[in-house]
Amino acid sequence: MTSEPFSLERFQALADAYGGVIARWPDDEKDDALRVSRTPEGENYPRRRTEPRRGTRRLAGTGPQ
């Protein structure tokens, strides 16, 4: 972990790299990530990145319907 404060930008970079499940993120980032995830900005970021885009179609057999 860096000596810099954990920023929203760092949170967003990790969410882009590892997805919206913080349990999958590097162990040394999880505590700070959980703290940021409880802010309004952090709370919405992974959800926004992992939800299907409006107007997209799911292919049969690729996930929950």
C-alpha atoms as a PDB file:
ATOM      1  CA  MET A   1       0.000   0.000   0.000  1.00  0.00           C
ATOM      2  CA  THR A   2       1.205   3.500  -0.733  1.00  0.00           C
ATOM      3  CA  SER A   3       1.865   6.146   1.905  1.00  0.00           C
ATOM      4  CA  GLU A   4      -0.635   8.456   0.170  1.00  0.00           C
ATOM      5  CA  PRO A   5      -4.199   8.662   1.511  1.00  0.00           C
ATOM      6  CA  PHE A   6      -6.602   6.247  -0.150  1.00  0.00           C
ATOM      7  CA  SER A   7      -8.468   8.363  -2.692  1.00  0.00           C
ATOM      8  CA  LEU A   8     -11.682   7.946  -4.612  1.00  0.00           C
ATOM      9  CA  GLU A   9      -9.543   7.718  -7.753  1.00  0.00           C
ATOM     10  CA  ARG A  10      -7.633   4.765  -6.253  1.00  0.00           C
ATOM     11  CA  PHE A  11     -10.937   3.155  -5.286  1.00  0.00           C
ATOM     12  CA  GLN A  12     -12.236   3.599  -8.839  1.00  0.00           C
ATOM     13  CA  ALA A  13      -9.044   2.149 -10.343  1.00  0.00           C
ATOM     14  CA  LEU A  14      -9.322  -0.928  -8.116  1.00  0.00           C
ATOM     15  CA  ALA A  15     -13.027  -1.308  -8.910  1.00  0.00           C
ATOM     16  CA  ASP A  16     -12.209  -1.181 -12.622  1.00  0.00           C
ATOM     17  CA  ALA A  17      -9.420  -3.736 -12.214  1.00  0.00           C
ATOM     18  CA  TYR A  18     -11.014  -6.174  -9.740  1.00  0.00           C
ATOM     19  CA  GLY A  19     -14.754  -5.536 -10.011  1.00  0.00           C
ATOM     20  CA  GLY A  20     -17.270  -4.467  -7.416  1.00  0.00           C
ATOM     21  CA  VAL A  21     -16.598  -7.229  -4.856  1.00  0.00           C
ATOM     22  CA  ILE A  22     -14.038  -5.818  -2.428  1.00  0.00           C
ATOM     23  CA  ALA A  23     -13.317  -9.325  -1.096  1.00  0.00           C
ATOM     24  CA  ARG A  24     -11.510  -9.970  -4.406  1.00  0.00           C
ATOM     25  CA  TRP A  25      -9.280  -6.908  -4.038  1.00  0.00           C
ATOM     26  CA  PRO A  26      -5.699  -7.018  -2.707  1.00  0.00           C
ATOM     27  CA  ASP A  27      -5.668  -7.626   1.051  1.00  0.00           C
ATOM     28  CA  ASP A  28      -3.689  -4.477   1.837  1.00  0.00           C
ATOM     29  CA  GLU A  29      -6.323  -2.315   0.103  1.00  0.00           C
ATOM     30  CA  LYS A  30      -9.508  -3.813   1.583  1.00  0.00           C
ATOM     31  CA  ASP A  31      -9.814  -1.780   4.809  1.00  0.00           C
ATOM     32  CA  ASP A  32      -9.413   1.535   3.017  1.00  0.00           C
ATOM     33  CA  ALA A  33     -11.683   0.373   0.191  1.00  0.00           C
ATOM     34  CA  LEU A  34     -14.433  -0.580   2.636  1.00  0.00           C
ATOM     35  CA  ARG A  35     -14.178   2.850   4.227  1.00  0.00           C
ATOM     36  CA  VAL A  36     -14.511   4.584   0.832  1.00  0.00           C
ATOM     37  CA  SER A  37     -17.305   2.203  -0.243  1.00  0.00           C
ATOM     38  CA  ARG A  38     -19.465   3.615   2.559  1.00  0.00           C
ATOM     39  CA  THR A  39     -19.315   7.133   1.108  1.00  0.00           C
ATOM     40  CA  PRO A  40     -21.997   8.207  -1.408  1.00  0.00           C
ATOM     41  CA  GLU A  41     -19.431   8.323  -4.221  1.00  0.00           C
ATOM     42  CA  GLY A  42     -17.909   4.952  -3.387  1.00  0.00           C
ATOM     43  CA  GLU A  43     -21.266   3.327  -2.771  1.00  0.00           C
ATOM     44  CA  ASN A  44     -22.419   3.999  -6.321  1.00  0.00           C
ATOM     45  CA  TYR A  45     -19.200   3.470  -8.254  1.00  0.00           C
ATOM     46  CA  PRO A  46     -18.886  -0.349  -8.464  1.00  0.00           C
ATOM     47  CA  ARG A  47     -22.621  -0.783  -8.926  1.00  0.00           C
ATOM     48  CA  ARG A  48     -22.552   1.646 -11.815  1.00  0.00           C
ATOM     49  CA  ARG A  49     -19.616  -0.199 -13.400  1.00  0.00           C
ATOM     50  CA  THR A  50     -21.032  -3.705 -12.986  1.00  0.00           C
ATOM     51  CA  GLU A  51     -24.664  -3.206 -13.963  1.00  0.00           C
ATOM     52  CA  PRO A  52     -25.545  -3.927 -17.594  1.00  0.00           C
ATOM     53  CA  ARG A  53     -25.860  -0.841 -19.745  1.00  0.00           C
ATOM     54  CA  ARG A  54     -29.339   0.267 -20.590  1.00  0.00           C
ATOM     55  CA  GLY A  55     -30.489  -1.139 -23.878  1.00  0.00           C
ATOM     56  CA  THR A  56     -28.086  -4.078 -23.846  1.00  0.00           C
ATOM     57  CA  ARG A  57     -29.424  -7.569 -24.225  1.00  0.00           C
ATOM     58  CA  ARG A  58     -28.328 -10.605 -22.312  1.00  0.00           C
ATOM     59  CA  LEU A  59     -27.431 -13.672 -24.295  1.00  0.00           C
ATOM     60  CA  ALA A  60     -29.367 -16.796 -23.401  1.00  0.00           C
ATOM     61  CA  GLY A  61     -27.562 -18.851 -20.788  1.00  0.00           C
ATOM     62  CA  THR A  62     -25.097 -16.106 -19.765  1.00  0.00           C
ATOM     63  CA  GLY A  63     -26.466 -15.211 -16.362  1.00  0.00           C
ATOM     64  CA  PRO A  64     -29.519 -14.404 -14.316  1.00  0.00           C
ATOM     65  CA  GLN A  65     -32.558 -13.431 -16.324  1.00  0.00           C
END
